[in-house]
């Protein structure tokens, strides 16, 4: 089925809440290239880090020693400890 026909049918079914024609074209192209899900993939990039009480205490210690410490200096100090 062509994307324009898919969009027309979705417009009848969903009304104004329908995806745009451009989005239907993009999804159709993705499905034809082999994707099987429309859910978002996990984000790439830096891993999520959790602030622990130990890390918070270490940051407070560094800041108490030098109130003009930069974020990069704190990060460097935490990586070495």
C-alpha atoms as a PDB file:
ATOM      1  CA  UNK A   1       0.000   0.000   0.000  1.00  0.00           C
ATOM      2  CA  UNK A   2       1.312   3.443  -0.870  1.00  0.00           C
ATOM      3  CA  UNK A   3       1.990   6.023   1.849  1.00  0.00           C
ATOM      4  CA  UNK A   4      -0.610   8.405   0.465  1.00  0.00           C
ATOM      5  CA  UNK A   5      -3.273   5.698   0.799  1.00  0.00           C
ATOM      6  CA  UNK A   6      -2.117   4.882   4.352  1.00  0.00           C
ATOM      7  CA  UNK A   7      -2.353   8.578   5.242  1.00  0.00           C
ATOM      8  CA  UNK A   8      -5.816   8.884   3.709  1.00  0.00           C
ATOM      9  CA  UNK A   9      -7.076   5.923   5.745  1.00  0.00           C
ATOM     10  CA  UNK A  10      -5.459   7.227   8.931  1.00  0.00           C
ATOM     11  CA  UNK A  11      -7.056  10.634   8.344  1.00  0.00           C
ATOM     12  CA  UNK A  12     -10.497   9.000   8.152  1.00  0.00           C
ATOM     13  CA  UNK A  13      -9.821   6.956  11.309  1.00  0.00           C
ATOM     14  CA  UNK A  14      -8.003   9.534  13.466  1.00  0.00           C
ATOM     15  CA  UNK A  15      -9.163  12.881  12.122  1.00  0.00           C
ATOM     16  CA  UNK A  16      -6.997  15.863  13.086  1.00  0.00           C
ATOM     17  CA  UNK A  17      -4.891  13.716  15.450  1.00  0.00           C
ATOM     18  CA  UNK A  18      -3.443  11.881  12.433  1.00  0.00           C
ATOM     19  CA  UNK A  19       0.266  11.782  11.642  1.00  0.00           C
ATOM     20  CA  UNK A  20       1.456  14.162   8.970  1.00  0.00           C
ATOM     21  CA  UNK A  21       1.891  12.867   5.435  1.00  0.00           C
ATOM     22  CA  UNK A  22       5.645  13.436   5.747  1.00  0.00           C
ATOM     23  CA  UNK A  23       5.787  11.285   8.892  1.00  0.00           C
ATOM     24  CA  UNK A  24       3.806   8.511   7.178  1.00  0.00           C
ATOM     25  CA  UNK A  25       6.298   8.583   4.292  1.00  0.00           C
ATOM     26  CA  UNK A  26       9.242   8.335   6.712  1.00  0.00           C
ATOM     27  CA  UNK A  27       7.711   5.450   8.673  1.00  0.00           C
ATOM     28  CA  UNK A  28       6.764   3.607   5.486  1.00  0.00           C
ATOM     29  CA  UNK A  29      10.342   3.920   4.242  1.00  0.00           C
ATOM     30  CA  UNK A  30      11.677   2.606   7.576  1.00  0.00           C
ATOM     31  CA  UNK A  31       9.325  -0.386   7.531  1.00  0.00           C
ATOM     32  CA  UNK A  32      10.301  -1.189   3.948  1.00  0.00           C
ATOM     33  CA  UNK A  33      13.964  -1.116   5.063  1.00  0.00           C
ATOM     34  CA  UNK A  34      13.310  -3.698   7.754  1.00  0.00           C
ATOM     35  CA  UNK A  35      12.423  -2.050  11.065  1.00  0.00           C
ATOM     36  CA  UNK A  36       9.662  -3.835  12.919  1.00  0.00           C
ATOM     37  CA  UNK A  37       8.859  -1.447  15.767  1.00  0.00           C
ATOM     38  CA  UNK A  38       7.918   2.204  16.082  1.00  0.00           C
ATOM     39  CA  UNK A  39       9.095   2.541  19.693  1.00  0.00           C
ATOM     40  CA  UNK A  40      12.050   4.795  20.384  1.00  0.00           C
ATOM     41  CA  UNK A  41      15.449   3.191  20.639  1.00  0.00           C
ATOM     42  CA  UNK A  42      17.485   3.794  23.797  1.00  0.00           C
ATOM     43  CA  UNK A  43      19.414   7.060  23.684  1.00  0.00           C
ATOM     44  CA  UNK A  44      23.079   6.931  22.838  1.00  0.00           C
ATOM     45  CA  UNK A  45      25.733   8.969  24.563  1.00  0.00           C
ATOM     46  CA  UNK A  46      26.856   9.280  28.121  1.00  0.00           C
ATOM     47  CA  UNK A  47      25.582   6.672  30.545  1.00  0.00           C
ATOM     48  CA  UNK A  48      23.256   7.734  33.320  1.00  0.00           C
ATOM     49  CA  UNK A  49      25.091   8.338  36.595  1.00  0.00           C
ATOM     50  CA  UNK A  50      23.501   8.214  40.008  1.00  0.00           C
ATOM     51  CA  UNK A  51      24.481  10.667  42.733  1.00  0.00           C
ATOM     52  CA  UNK A  52      25.483   8.650  45.780  1.00  0.00           C
ATOM     53  CA  UNK A  53      26.010   9.999  49.277  1.00  0.00           C
ATOM     54  CA  UNK A  54      29.730   9.246  48.908  1.00  0.00           C
ATOM     55  CA  UNK A  55      29.981  11.298  45.713  1.00  0.00           C
ATOM     56  CA  UNK A  56      28.050  14.175  47.257  1.00  0.00           C
ATOM     57  CA  UNK A  57      30.327  14.135  50.307  1.00  0.00           C
ATOM     58  CA  UNK A  58      33.413  14.111  48.069  1.00  0.00           C
ATOM     59  CA  UNK A  59      32.127  17.109  46.099  1.00  0.00           C
ATOM     60  CA  UNK A  60      31.332  19.009  49.278  1.00  0.00           C
ATOM     61  CA  UNK A  61      34.858  18.278  50.543  1.00  0.00           C
ATOM     62  CA  UNK A  62      36.457  19.606  47.361  1.00  0.00           C
ATOM     63  CA  UNK A  63      34.308  22.745  47.420  1.00  0.00           C
ATOM     64  CA  UNK A  64      35.067  23.400  51.094  1.00  0.00           C
ATOM     65  CA  UNK A  65      38.794  23.220  50.340  1.00  0.00           C
ATOM     66  CA  UNK A  66      38.530  25.661  47.437  1.00  0.00           C
ATOM     67  CA  UNK A  67      35.349  27.653  46.819  1.00  0.00           C
ATOM     68  CA  UNK A  68      36.578  28.724  43.369  1.00  0.00           C
ATOM     69  CA  UNK A  69      36.928  25.186  42.066  1.00  0.00           C
ATOM     70  CA  UNK A  70      35.478  24.589  38.586  1.00  0.00           C
ATOM     71  CA  UNK A  71      33.164  21.812  37.480  1.00  0.00           C
ATOM     72  CA  UNK A  72      35.963  20.283  35.379  1.00  0.00           C
ATOM     73  CA  UNK A  73      38.283  20.249  38.398  1.00  0.00           C
ATOM     74  CA  UNK A  74      35.615  18.547  40.508  1.00  0.00           C
ATOM     75  CA  UNK A  75      35.064  15.948  37.771  1.00  0.00           C
ATOM     76  CA  UNK A  76      38.811  15.305  37.518  1.00  0.00           C
ATOM     77  CA  UNK A  77      39.056  14.902  41.288  1.00  0.00           C
ATOM     78  CA  UNK A  78      36.116  12.473  41.388  1.00  0.00           C
ATOM     79  CA  UNK A  79      37.598  10.353  38.575  1.00  0.00           C
ATOM     80  CA  UNK A  80      40.859   9.958  40.485  1.00  0.00           C
ATOM     81  CA  UNK A  81      39.169   8.917  43.733  1.00  0.00           C
END
